[in-house]
C-alpha atoms as a PDB file:
ATOM      1  CA  TYR A   1     161.949 144.633  75.533  1.00  0.00           C
ATOM      2  CA  GLU A   2     161.614 147.867  73.530  1.00  0.00           C
ATOM      3  CA  THR A   3     159.474 146.050  70.964  1.00  0.00           C
ATOM      4  CA  ILE A   4     157.065 144.948  73.689  1.00  0.00           C
ATOM      5  CA  LEU A   5     156.849 148.498  75.059  1.00  0.00           C
ATOM      6  CA  THR A   6     156.213 149.882  71.577  1.00  0.00           C
ATOM      7  CA  GLY A   7     153.478 147.305  71.020  1.00  0.00           C
ATOM      8  CA  GLU A   8     151.882 148.118  74.370  1.00  0.00           C
ATOM      9  CA  LYS A   9     151.908 151.845  73.561  1.00  0.00           C
ATOM     10  CA  LYS A  10     150.298 151.257  70.158  1.00  0.00           C
ATOM     11  CA  LEU A  11     147.628 148.998  71.643  1.00  0.00           C
ATOM     12  CA  SER A  12     146.922 151.459  74.442  1.00  0.00           C
ATOM     13  CA  GLY A  13     146.659 154.284  71.912  1.00  0.00           C
ATOM     14  CA  MET A  14     144.135 152.339  69.838  1.00  0.00           C
ATOM     15  CA  LEU A  15     142.044 151.408  72.871  1.00  0.00           C
ATOM     16  CA  ASN A  16     141.951 155.035  74.028  1.00  0.00           C
ATOM     17  CA  LEU A  17     141.229 156.312  70.491  1.00  0.00           C
ATOM     18  CA  ASP A  18     144.576 158.102  70.506  1.00  0.00           C
ATOM     19  CA  ALA A  19     145.721 156.250  67.389  1.00  0.00           C
ATOM     20  CA  GLY A  20     144.514 153.743  64.854  1.00  0.00           C
ATOM     21  CA  GLU A  21     142.617 153.367  61.645  1.00  0.00           C
ATOM     22  CA  ILE A  22     139.050 152.589  60.649  1.00  0.00           C
ATOM     23  CA  CYS A  23     137.864 151.625  57.195  1.00  0.00           C
ATOM     24  CA  VAL A  24     134.255 152.391  56.226  1.00  0.00           C
ATOM     25  CA  GLY A  25     132.301 151.301  53.163  1.00  0.00           C
ATOM     26  CA  ALA A  26     129.393 153.332  51.785  1.00  0.00           C
ATOM     27  CA  SER A  27     127.492 153.997  48.578  1.00  0.00           C
ATOM     28  CA  ASP A  28     127.333 157.446  46.968  1.00  0.00           C
ATOM     29  CA  MET A  29     123.913 158.195  48.429  1.00  0.00           C
ATOM     30  CA  THR A  30     124.660 157.075  51.986  1.00  0.00           C
ATOM     31  CA  LEU A  31     128.008 158.836  51.950  1.00  0.00           C
ATOM     32  CA  GLN A  32     126.651 162.131  50.666  1.00  0.00           C
ATOM     33  CA  PHE A  33     123.324 162.304  52.487  1.00  0.00           C
ATOM     34  CA  TYR A  34     124.052 160.477  55.730  1.00  0.00           C
ATOM     35  CA  LEU A  35     127.630 159.601  56.589  1.00  0.00           C
ATOM     36  CA  LEU A  36     129.607 162.718  55.635  1.00  0.00           C
ATOM     37  CA  PRO A  37     128.587 164.898  58.622  1.00  0.00           C
ATOM     38  CA  TYR A  38     129.385 162.024  61.000  1.00  0.00           C
ATOM     39  CA  LEU A  39     132.790 161.494  59.422  1.00  0.00           C
ATOM     40  CA  GLU A  40     133.567 165.189  59.811  1.00  0.00           C
ATOM     41  CA  ALA A  41     132.467 165.161  63.466  1.00  0.00           C
ATOM     42  CA  PHE A  42     134.479 161.987  64.140  1.00  0.00           C
ATOM     43  CA  HIS A  43     137.569 163.532  62.562  1.00  0.00           C
ATOM     44  CA  ASP A  44     137.134 166.705  64.618  1.00  0.00           C
ATOM     45  CA  ALA A  45     136.832 164.649  67.823  1.00  0.00           C
ATOM     46  CA  PHE A  46     139.586 162.134  66.973  1.00  0.00           C
ATOM     47  CA  PRO A  47     141.983 163.726  64.446  1.00  0.00           C
ATOM     48  CA  GLN A  48     144.638 161.119  65.206  1.00  0.00           C
ATOM     49  CA  ILE A  49     142.450 158.256  63.907  1.00  0.00           C
ATOM     50  CA  LYS A  50     142.918 157.630  60.192  1.00  0.00           C
ATOM     51  CA  VAL A  51     139.558 157.134  58.457  1.00  0.00           C
ATOM     52  CA  THR A  52     139.473 155.490  55.046  1.00  0.00           C
ATOM     53  CA  VAL A  53     136.218 155.458  53.080  1.00  0.00           C
ATOM     54  CA  THR A  54     135.559 152.952  50.316  1.00  0.00           C
ATOM     55  CA  ASN A  55     132.858 154.205  47.977  1.00  0.00           C
ATOM     56  CA  ALA A  56     130.971 151.338  46.302  1.00  0.00           C
ATOM     57  CA  PRO A  57     127.420 150.149  45.615  1.00  0.00           C
ATOM     58  CA  THR A  58     125.722 148.051  48.312  1.00  0.00           C
ATOM     59  CA  PRO A  59     126.631 144.610  46.850  1.00  0.00           C
ATOM     60  CA  GLU A  60     130.308 145.571  46.672  1.00  0.00           C
ATOM     61  CA  THR A  61     130.207 147.112  50.146  1.00  0.00           C
ATOM     62  CA  LEU A  62     128.820 143.853  51.527  1.00  0.00           C
ATOM     63  CA  LYS A  63     131.509 141.867  49.689  1.00  0.00           C
ATOM     64  CA  HIS A  64     134.222 144.157  51.089  1.00  0.00           C
ATOM     65  CA  LEU A  65     132.796 143.607  54.567  1.00  0.00           C
ATOM     66  CA  GLN A  66     132.678 139.846  54.074  1.00  0.00           C
ATOM     67  CA  ASP A  67     136.281 139.857  52.812  1.00  0.00           C
ATOM     68  CA  GLY A  68     137.480 141.944  55.771  1.00  0.00           C
ATOM     69  CA  LYS A  69     138.482 144.911  53.590  1.00  0.00           C
ATOM     70  CA  ILE A  70     136.319 147.313  55.629  1.00  0.00           C
ATOM     71  CA  ASP A  71     135.406 147.473  59.315  1.00  0.00           C
ATOM     72  CA  PHE A  72     131.764 148.373  58.723  1.00  0.00           C
ATOM     73  CA  GLY A  73     129.471 149.482  55.942  1.00  0.00           C
ATOM     74  CA  ILE A  74     126.612 151.945  55.661  1.00  0.00           C
ATOM     75  CA  ILE A  75     124.064 150.763  53.109  1.00  0.00           C
ATOM     76  CA  SER A  76     120.669 152.001  52.005  1.00  0.00           C
ATOM     77  CA  THR A  77     119.025 148.914  50.555  1.00  0.00           C
ATOM     78  CA  PRO A  78     117.652 145.830  52.307  1.00  0.00           C
ATOM     79  CA  VAL A  79     119.936 142.811  52.510  1.00  0.00           C
ATOM     80  CA  ASN A  80     118.974 139.174  52.347  1.00  0.00           C
ATOM     81  CA  ASN A  81     120.103 136.884  55.131  1.00  0.00           C
ATOM     82  CA  LYS A  82     122.865 135.152  53.179  1.00  0.00           C
ATOM     83  CA  TYR A  83     125.331 137.306  55.112  1.00  0.00           C
ATOM     84  CA  ASP A  84     126.043 136.636  58.750  1.00  0.00           C
ATOM     85  CA  PHE A  85     126.418 140.301  59.685  1.00  0.00           C
ATOM     86  CA  LYS A  86     125.074 142.173  62.646  1.00  0.00           C
ATOM     87  CA  MET A  87     122.882 144.894  61.191  1.00  0.00           C
ATOM     88  CA  THR A  88     121.784 148.004  63.034  1.00  0.00           C
ATOM     89  CA  PRO A  89     119.255 150.350  61.437  1.00  0.00           C
ATOM     90  CA  VAL A  90     120.463 153.918  61.887  1.00  0.00           C
ATOM     91  CA  ARG A  91     117.963 155.882  59.832  1.00  0.00           C
ATOM     92  CA  LYS A  92     114.845 155.233  57.820  1.00  0.00           C
ATOM     93  CA  ILE A  93     114.896 156.728  54.331  1.00  0.00           C
END
């Protein structure tokens, strides 16, 4: 019974952004010139969420995403359609 309650508390904490972890992939350029201020703001708003950043070039970031090693990636170069990812443009550079 205690295990179920603990699991429910953890799940509730993740759903309410009270706990959890997110793993982001980004290249040097996107990390430095785009993502860093957003990561700082996210951490200020949700200090209890652990954020891990994987720094890699676009092809490696896409491979990490495909392999499930990251939750999402921020890339700066166009991608061919061999990947079945949902892509959302966030900024034109």
